[in-house]
Amino acid sequence: THANNAPRLAAALQELEQVLGVAAEHGEPTYYGR
């Protein structure tokens, strides 16, 4: 599941950065992950 979905999330985040023209900043870790 991770191998199938993690690359999709990474690609979507990179595309969002390109569209917005700014690098993303990580939010605070949560109980579920970071």
ModelCIF file with pLDDT and N, C-alpha, C, O atoms, coordinates in Angstrom:
data_MODEL
#
_entry.id   MODEL 
#
_entity.id                         1 
_entity.type                       polymer 
_entity.pdbx_number_of_molecules   1 
#
_entity_poly.entity_id                      1 
_entity_poly.type                           'polypeptide(L)' 
_entity_poly.nstd_linkage                   no 
_entity_poly.nstd_monomer                   no 
_entity_poly.pdbx_seq_one_letter_code       THANNAPRLAAALQELEQVLGVAAEHGEPTYYGR 
_entity_poly.pdbx_seq_one_letter_code_can   THANNAPRLAAALQELEQVLGVAAEHGEPTYYGR 
_entity_poly.pdbx_strand_id                 A 
#
loop_
_entity_poly_seq.entity_id 
_entity_poly_seq.num 
_entity_poly_seq.mon_id 
_entity_poly_seq.hetero 
1 1  THR n 
1 2  HIS n 
1 3  ALA n 
1 4  ASN n 
1 5  ASN n 
1 6  ALA n 
1 7  PRO n 
1 8  ARG n 
1 9  LEU n 
1 10 ALA n 
1 11 ALA n 
1 12 ALA n 
1 13 LEU n 
1 14 GLN n 
1 15 GLU n 
1 16 LEU n 
1 17 GLU n 
1 18 GLN n 
1 19 VAL n 
1 20 LEU n 
1 21 GLY n 
1 22 VAL n 
1 23 ALA n 
1 24 ALA n 
1 25 GLU n 
1 26 HIS n 
1 27 GLY n 
1 28 GLU n 
1 29 PRO n 
1 30 THR n 
1 31 TYR n 
1 32 TYR n 
1 33 GLY n 
1 34 ARG n 
#
_struct_asym.id          A 
_struct_asym.entity_id   1 
#
loop_
_ma_qa_metric.id 
_ma_qa_metric.mode 
_ma_qa_metric.name 
_ma_qa_metric.software_group_id 
_ma_qa_metric.type 
1 global pLDDT . pLDDT 
2 local  pLDDT . pLDDT 
#
_ma_qa_metric_global.metric_id      1 
_ma_qa_metric_global.metric_value   91.26 
_ma_qa_metric_global.model_id       1 
_ma_qa_metric_global.ordinal_id     1 
#
loop_
_ma_qa_metric_local.label_asym_id 
_ma_qa_metric_local.label_comp_id 
_ma_qa_metric_local.label_seq_id 
_ma_qa_metric_local.metric_id 
_ma_qa_metric_local.metric_value 
_ma_qa_metric_local.model_id 
_ma_qa_metric_local.ordinal_id 
A THR 1  2 92.00 1 1  
A HIS 2  2 94.00 1 2  
A ALA 3  2 94.00 1 3  
A ASN 4  2 92.00 1 4  
A ASN 5  2 92.00 1 5  
A ALA 6  2 93.00 1 6  
A PRO 7  2 94.00 1 7  
A ARG 8  2 91.00 1 8  
A LEU 9  2 91.00 1 9  
A ALA 10 2 94.00 1 10 
A ALA 11 2 94.00 1 11 
A ALA 12 2 91.00 1 12 
A LEU 13 2 92.00 1 13 
A GLN 14 2 95.00 1 14 
A GLU 15 2 94.00 1 15 
A LEU 16 2 91.00 1 16 
A GLU 17 2 92.00 1 17 
A GLN 18 2 95.00 1 18 
A VAL 19 2 92.00 1 19 
A LEU 20 2 88.00 1 20 
A GLY 21 2 89.00 1 21 
A VAL 22 2 88.00 1 22 
A ALA 23 2 89.00 1 23 
A ALA 24 2 87.00 1 24 
A GLU 25 2 88.00 1 25 
A HIS 26 2 90.00 1 26 
A GLY 27 2 88.00 1 27 
A GLU 28 2 91.00 1 28 
A PRO 29 2 92.00 1 29 
A THR 30 2 90.00 1 30 
A TYR 31 2 89.00 1 31 
A TYR 32 2 89.00 1 32 
A GLY 33 2 90.00 1 33 
A ARG 34 2 92.00 1 34 
#
loop_
_atom_site.group_PDB 
_atom_site.id 
_atom_site.type_symbol 
_atom_site.label_atom_id 
_atom_site.label_alt_id 
_atom_site.label_comp_id 
_atom_site.label_asym_id 
_atom_site.label_entity_id 
_atom_site.label_seq_id 
_atom_site.pdbx_PDB_ins_code 
_atom_site.Cartn_x 
_atom_site.Cartn_y 
_atom_site.Cartn_z 
_atom_site.occupancy 
_atom_site.B_iso_or_equiv 
_atom_site.pdbx_formal_charge 
_atom_site.auth_seq_id 
_atom_site.auth_comp_id 
_atom_site.auth_asym_id 
_atom_site.auth_atom_id 
_atom_site.pdbx_PDB_model_num 
ATOM 1   N N  . THR A 1 1  ? 0.841  -1.202 0.000  1.00 92.00 ? 1  THR A N  1 
ATOM 2   C CA . THR A 1 1  ? 0.000  0.000  0.000  1.00 92.00 ? 1  THR A CA 1 
ATOM 3   C C  . THR A 1 1  ? 0.874  1.249  0.000  1.00 92.00 ? 1  THR A C  1 
ATOM 4   O O  . THR A 1 1  ? 0.616  2.198  -0.740 1.00 92.00 ? 1  THR A O  1 
ATOM 5   N N  . HIS A 1 2  ? 1.897  1.239  0.827  1.00 94.00 ? 2  HIS A N  1 
ATOM 6   C CA . HIS A 1 2  ? 2.801  2.390  0.889  1.00 94.00 ? 2  HIS A CA 1 
ATOM 7   C C  . HIS A 1 2  ? 3.525  2.579  -0.447 1.00 94.00 ? 2  HIS A C  1 
ATOM 8   O O  . HIS A 1 2  ? 3.640  3.702  -0.938 1.00 94.00 ? 2  HIS A O  1 
ATOM 9   N N  . ALA A 1 3  ? 4.005  1.498  -1.025 1.00 94.00 ? 3  ALA A N  1 
ATOM 10  C CA . ALA A 1 3  ? 4.730  1.587  -2.304 1.00 94.00 ? 3  ALA A CA 1 
ATOM 11  C C  . ALA A 1 3  ? 3.837  2.105  -3.423 1.00 94.00 ? 3  ALA A C  1 
ATOM 12  O O  . ALA A 1 3  ? 4.315  2.797  -4.322 1.00 94.00 ? 3  ALA A O  1 
ATOM 13  N N  . ASN A 1 4  ? 2.548  1.781  -3.383 1.00 92.00 ? 4  ASN A N  1 
ATOM 14  C CA . ASN A 1 4  ? 1.618  2.247  -4.417 1.00 92.00 ? 4  ASN A CA 1 
ATOM 15  C C  . ASN A 1 4  ? 1.193  3.696  -4.209 1.00 92.00 ? 4  ASN A C  1 
ATOM 16  O O  . ASN A 1 4  ? 1.017  4.429  -5.183 1.00 92.00 ? 4  ASN A O  1 
ATOM 17  N N  . ASN A 1 5  ? 1.027  4.118  -2.969 1.00 92.00 ? 5  ASN A N  1 
ATOM 18  C CA . ASN A 1 5  ? 0.433  5.425  -2.707 1.00 92.00 ? 5  ASN A CA 1 
ATOM 19  C C  . ASN A 1 5  ? 1.418  6.524  -2.359 1.00 92.00 ? 5  ASN A C  1 
ATOM 20  O O  . ASN A 1 5  ? 1.165  7.681  -2.695 1.00 92.00 ? 5  ASN A O  1 
ATOM 21  N N  . ALA A 1 6  ? 2.518  6.224  -1.706 1.00 93.00 ? 6  ALA A N  1 
ATOM 22  C CA . ALA A 1 6  ? 3.474  7.263  -1.314 1.00 93.00 ? 6  ALA A CA 1 
ATOM 23  C C  . ALA A 1 6  ? 3.989  8.053  -2.519 1.00 93.00 ? 6  ALA A C  1 
ATOM 24  O O  . ALA A 1 6  ? 4.094  9.276  -2.428 1.00 93.00 ? 6  ALA A O  1 
ATOM 25  N N  . PRO A 1 7  ? 4.316  7.407  -3.647 1.00 94.00 ? 7  PRO A N  1 
ATOM 26  C CA . PRO A 1 7  ? 4.761  8.195  -4.810 1.00 94.00 ? 7  PRO A CA 1 
ATOM 27  C C  . PRO A 1 7  ? 3.671  9.122  -5.352 1.00 94.00 ? 7  PRO A C  1 
ATOM 28  O O  . PRO A 1 7  ? 3.974  10.192 -5.881 1.00 94.00 ? 7  PRO A O  1 
ATOM 29  N N  . ARG A 1 8  ? 2.423  8.724  -5.225 1.00 91.00 ? 8  ARG A N  1 
ATOM 30  C CA . ARG A 1 8  ? 1.312  9.585  -5.678 1.00 91.00 ? 8  ARG A CA 1 
ATOM 31  C C  . ARG A 1 8  ? 1.220  10.832 -4.818 1.00 91.00 ? 8  ARG A C  1 
ATOM 32  O O  . ARG A 1 8  ? 1.021  11.936 -5.326 1.00 91.00 ? 8  ARG A O  1 
ATOM 33  N N  . LEU A 1 9  ? 1.365  10.650 -3.512 1.00 91.00 ? 9  LEU A N  1 
ATOM 34  C CA . LEU A 1 9  ? 1.341  11.801 -2.608 1.00 91.00 ? 9  LEU A CA 1 
ATOM 35  C C  . LEU A 1 9  ? 2.521  12.723 -2.894 1.00 91.00 ? 9  LEU A C  1 
ATOM 36  O O  . LEU A 1 9  ? 2.351  13.940 -2.964 1.00 91.00 ? 9  LEU A O  1 
ATOM 37  N N  . ALA A 1 10 ? 3.708  12.158 -3.058 1.00 94.00 ? 10 ALA A N  1 
ATOM 38  C CA . ALA A 1 10 ? 4.905  12.970 -3.342 1.00 94.00 ? 10 ALA A CA 1 
ATOM 39  C C  . ALA A 1 10 ? 4.728  13.767 -4.631 1.00 94.00 ? 10 ALA A C  1 
ATOM 40  O O  . ALA A 1 10 ? 5.051  14.954 -4.673 1.00 94.00 ? 10 ALA A O  1 
ATOM 41  N N  . ALA A 1 11 ? 4.224  13.136 -5.668 1.00 94.00 ? 11 ALA A N  1 
ATOM 42  C CA . ALA A 1 11 ? 4.019  13.826 -6.945 1.00 94.00 ? 11 ALA A CA 1 
ATOM 43  C C  . ALA A 1 11 ? 2.995  14.956 -6.799 1.00 94.00 ? 11 ALA A C  1 
ATOM 44  O O  . ALA A 1 11 ? 3.185  16.038 -7.355 1.00 94.00 ? 11 ALA A O  1 
ATOM 45  N N  . ALA A 1 12 ? 1.924  14.713 -6.062 1.00 91.00 ? 12 ALA A N  1 
ATOM 46  C CA . ALA A 1 12 ? 0.896  15.738 -5.867 1.00 91.00 ? 12 ALA A CA 1 
ATOM 47  C C  . ALA A 1 12 ? 1.457  16.931 -5.093 1.00 91.00 ? 12 ALA A C  1 
ATOM 48  O O  . ALA A 1 12 ? 1.160  18.079 -5.423 1.00 91.00 ? 12 ALA A O  1 
ATOM 49  N N  . LEU A 1 13 ? 2.264  16.664 -4.069 1.00 92.00 ? 13 LEU A N  1 
ATOM 50  C CA . LEU A 1 13 ? 2.855  17.755 -3.288 1.00 92.00 ? 13 LEU A CA 1 
ATOM 51  C C  . LEU A 1 13 ? 3.847  18.566 -4.116 1.00 92.00 ? 13 LEU A C  1 
ATOM 52  O O  . LEU A 1 13 ? 3.880  19.793 -4.023 1.00 92.00 ? 13 LEU A O  1 
ATOM 53  N N  . GLN A 1 14 ? 4.644  17.890 -4.914 1.00 95.00 ? 14 GLN A N  1 
ATOM 54  C CA . GLN A 1 14 ? 5.595  18.595 -5.770 1.00 95.00 ? 14 GLN A CA 1 
ATOM 55  C C  . GLN A 1 14 ? 4.867  19.440 -6.809 1.00 95.00 ? 14 GLN A C  1 
ATOM 56  O O  . GLN A 1 14 ? 5.274  20.566 -7.095 1.00 95.00 ? 14 GLN A O  1 
ATOM 57  N N  . GLU A 1 15 ? 3.801  18.901 -7.368 1.00 94.00 ? 15 GLU A N  1 
ATOM 58  C CA . GLU A 1 15 ? 3.026  19.669 -8.352 1.00 94.00 ? 15 GLU A CA 1 
ATOM 59  C C  . GLU A 1 15 ? 2.367  20.882 -7.694 1.00 94.00 ? 15 GLU A C  1 
ATOM 60  O O  . GLU A 1 15 ? 2.319  21.960 -8.285 1.00 94.00 ? 15 GLU A O  1 
ATOM 61  N N  . LEU A 1 16 ? 1.872  20.708 -6.496 1.00 91.00 ? 16 LEU A N  1 
ATOM 62  C CA . LEU A 1 16 ? 1.258  21.824 -5.782 1.00 91.00 ? 16 LEU A CA 1 
ATOM 63  C C  . LEU A 1 16 ? 2.282  22.930 -5.528 1.00 91.00 ? 16 LEU A C  1 
ATOM 64  O O  . LEU A 1 16 ? 1.970  24.112 -5.672 1.00 91.00 ? 16 LEU A O  1 
ATOM 65  N N  . GLU A 1 17 ? 3.491  22.553 -5.153 1.00 92.00 ? 17 GLU A N  1 
ATOM 66  C CA . GLU A 1 17 ? 4.548  23.556 -4.972 1.00 92.00 ? 17 GLU A CA 1 
ATOM 67  C C  . GLU A 1 17 ? 4.828  24.308 -6.274 1.00 92.00 ? 17 GLU A C  1 
ATOM 68  O O  . GLU A 1 17 ? 5.011  25.525 -6.265 1.00 92.00 ? 17 GLU A O  1 
ATOM 69  N N  . GLN A 1 18 ? 4.861  23.583 -7.384 1.00 95.00 ? 18 GLN A N  1 
ATOM 70  C CA . GLN A 1 18 ? 5.115  24.225 -8.676 1.00 95.00 ? 18 GLN A CA 1 
ATOM 71  C C  . GLN A 1 18 ? 4.004  25.186 -9.039 1.00 95.00 ? 18 GLN A C  1 
ATOM 72  O O  . GLN A 1 18 ? 4.268  26.299 -9.493 1.00 95.00 ? 18 GLN A O  1 
ATOM 73  N N  . VAL A 1 19 ? 2.763  24.772 -8.843 1.00 92.00 ? 19 VAL A N  1 
ATOM 74  C CA . VAL A 1 19 ? 1.616  25.615 -9.179 1.00 92.00 ? 19 VAL A CA 1 
ATOM 75  C C  . VAL A 1 19 ? 1.600  26.874 -8.317 1.00 92.00 ? 19 VAL A C  1 
ATOM 76  O O  . VAL A 1 19 ? 1.343  27.971 -8.813 1.00 92.00 ? 19 VAL A O  1 
ATOM 77  N N  . LEU A 1 20 ? 1.877  26.709 -7.022 1.00 88.00 ? 20 LEU A N  1 
ATOM 78  C CA . LEU A 1 20 ? 1.837  27.848 -6.102 1.00 88.00 ? 20 LEU A CA 1 
ATOM 79  C C  . LEU A 1 20 ? 3.107  28.693 -6.163 1.00 88.00 ? 20 LEU A C  1 
ATOM 80  O O  . LEU A 1 20 ? 3.100  29.854 -5.754 1.00 88.00 ? 20 LEU A O  1 
ATOM 81  N N  . GLY A 1 21 ? 4.198  28.118 -6.672 1.00 89.00 ? 21 GLY A N  1 
ATOM 82  C CA . GLY A 1 21 ? 5.443  28.862 -6.785 1.00 89.00 ? 21 GLY A CA 1 
ATOM 83  C C  . GLY A 1 21 ? 6.151  29.094 -5.464 1.00 89.00 ? 21 GLY A C  1 
ATOM 84  O O  . GLY A 1 21 ? 6.921  30.045 -5.328 1.00 89.00 ? 21 GLY A O  1 
ATOM 85  N N  . VAL A 1 22 ? 5.897  28.235 -4.493 1.00 88.00 ? 22 VAL A N  1 
ATOM 86  C CA . VAL A 1 22 ? 6.536  28.381 -3.184 1.00 88.00 ? 22 VAL A CA 1 
ATOM 87  C C  . VAL A 1 22 ? 6.730  26.989 -2.579 1.00 88.00 ? 22 VAL A C  1 
ATOM 88  O O  . VAL A 1 22 ? 5.904  26.093 -2.755 1.00 88.00 ? 22 VAL A O  1 
ATOM 89  N N  . ALA A 1 23 ? 7.837  26.837 -1.865 1.00 89.00 ? 23 ALA A N  1 
ATOM 90  C CA . ALA A 1 23 ? 8.118  25.553 -1.218 1.00 89.00 ? 23 ALA A CA 1 
ATOM 91  C C  . ALA A 1 23 ? 7.214  25.354 -0.008 1.00 89.00 ? 23 ALA A C  1 
ATOM 92  O O  . ALA A 1 23 ? 6.917  26.298 0.725  1.00 89.00 ? 23 ALA A O  1 
ATOM 93  N N  . ALA A 1 24 ? 6.790  24.137 0.184  1.00 87.00 ? 24 ALA A N  1 
ATOM 94  C CA . ALA A 1 24 ? 5.936  23.796 1.324  1.00 87.00 ? 24 ALA A CA 1 
ATOM 95  C C  . ALA A 1 24 ? 6.744  23.768 2.613  1.00 87.00 ? 24 ALA A C  1 
ATOM 96  O O  . ALA A 1 24 ? 7.942  23.484 2.606  1.00 87.00 ? 24 ALA A O  1 
ATOM 97  N N  . GLU A 1 25 ? 6.081  24.062 3.702  1.00 88.00 ? 25 GLU A N  1 
ATOM 98  C CA . GLU A 1 25 ? 6.670  23.940 5.029  1.00 88.00 ? 25 GLU A CA 1 
ATOM 99  C C  . GLU A 1 25 ? 5.921  22.832 5.757  1.00 88.00 ? 25 GLU A C  1 
ATOM 100 O O  . GLU A 1 25 ? 4.695  22.752 5.687  1.00 88.00 ? 25 GLU A O  1 
ATOM 101 N N  . HIS A 1 26 ? 6.660  21.986 6.451  1.00 90.00 ? 26 HIS A N  1 
ATOM 102 C CA . HIS A 1 26 ? 6.019  20.914 7.196  1.00 90.00 ? 26 HIS A CA 1 
ATOM 103 C C  . HIS A 1 26 ? 5.248  21.465 8.382  1.00 90.00 ? 26 HIS A C  1 
ATOM 104 O O  . HIS A 1 26 ? 5.696  22.388 9.061  1.00 90.00 ? 26 HIS A O  1 
ATOM 105 N N  . GLY A 1 27 ? 4.097  20.890 8.614  1.00 88.00 ? 27 GLY A N  1 
ATOM 106 C CA . GLY A 1 27 ? 3.331  21.244 9.797  1.00 88.00 ? 27 GLY A CA 1 
ATOM 107 C C  . GLY A 1 27 ? 3.867  20.500 11.008 1.00 88.00 ? 27 GLY A C  1 
ATOM 108 O O  . GLY A 1 27 ? 4.840  19.752 10.914 1.00 88.00 ? 27 GLY A O  1 
ATOM 109 N N  . GLU A 1 28 ? 3.237  20.710 12.114 1.00 91.00 ? 28 GLU A N  1 
ATOM 110 C CA . GLU A 1 28 ? 3.629  20.037 13.352 1.00 91.00 ? 28 GLU A CA 1 
ATOM 111 C C  . GLU A 1 28 ? 3.283  18.555 13.269 1.00 91.00 ? 28 GLU A C  1 
ATOM 112 O O  . GLU A 1 28 ? 2.281  18.186 12.656 1.00 91.00 ? 28 GLU A O  1 
ATOM 113 N N  . PRO A 1 29 ? 4.101  17.705 13.880 1.00 92.00 ? 29 PRO A N  1 
ATOM 114 C CA . PRO A 1 29 ? 3.746  16.280 13.933 1.00 92.00 ? 29 PRO A CA 1 
ATOM 115 C C  . PRO A 1 29 ? 2.413  16.107 14.672 1.00 92.00 ? 29 PRO A C  1 
ATOM 116 O O  . PRO A 1 29 ? 2.071  16.897 15.552 1.00 92.00 ? 29 PRO A O  1 
ATOM 117 N N  . THR A 1 30 ? 1.680  15.077 14.304 1.00 90.00 ? 30 THR A N  1 
ATOM 118 C CA . THR A 1 30 ? 0.425  14.763 14.975 1.00 90.00 ? 30 THR A CA 1 
ATOM 119 C C  . THR A 1 30 ? 0.547  13.393 15.622 1.00 90.00 ? 30 THR A C  1 
ATOM 120 O O  . THR A 1 30 ? 1.574  12.725 15.495 1.00 90.00 ? 30 THR A O  1 
ATOM 121 N N  . TYR A 1 31 ? -0.477 12.992 16.296 1.00 89.00 ? 31 TYR A N  1 
ATOM 122 C CA . TYR A 1 31 ? -0.532 11.668 16.902 1.00 89.00 ? 31 TYR A CA 1 
ATOM 123 C C  . TYR A 1 31 ? -0.383 10.583 15.841 1.00 89.00 ? 31 TYR A C  1 
ATOM 124 O O  . TYR A 1 31 ? 0.122  9.496  16.123 1.00 89.00 ? 31 TYR A O  1 
ATOM 125 N N  . TYR A 1 32 ? -0.819 10.879 14.635 1.00 89.00 ? 32 TYR A N  1 
ATOM 126 C CA . TYR A 1 32 ? -0.831 9.893  13.552 1.00 89.00 ? 32 TYR A CA 1 
ATOM 127 C C  . TYR A 1 32 ? 0.475  9.824  12.773 1.00 89.00 ? 32 TYR A C  1 
ATOM 128 O O  . TYR A 1 32 ? 0.748  8.812  12.128 1.00 89.00 ? 32 TYR A O  1 
ATOM 129 N N  . GLY A 1 33 ? 1.275  10.855 12.816 1.00 90.00 ? 33 GLY A N  1 
ATOM 130 C CA . GLY A 1 33 ? 2.523  10.831 12.062 1.00 90.00 ? 33 GLY A CA 1 
ATOM 131 C C  . GLY A 1 33 ? 3.095  12.219 11.875 1.00 90.00 ? 33 GLY A C  1 
ATOM 132 O O  . GLY A 1 33 ? 2.601  13.204 12.423 1.00 90.00 ? 33 GLY A O  1 
ATOM 133 N N  . ARG A 1 34 ? 4.163  12.266 11.075 1.00 92.00 ? 34 ARG A N  1 
ATOM 134 C CA . ARG A 1 34 ? 4.830  13.540 10.818 1.00 92.00 ? 34 ARG A CA 1 
ATOM 135 C C  . ARG A 1 34 ? 5.224  13.611 9.349  1.00 92.00 ? 34 ARG A C  1 
ATOM 136 O O  . ARG A 1 34 ? 5.804  14.605 8.912  1.00 92.00 ? 34 ARG A O  1 
#
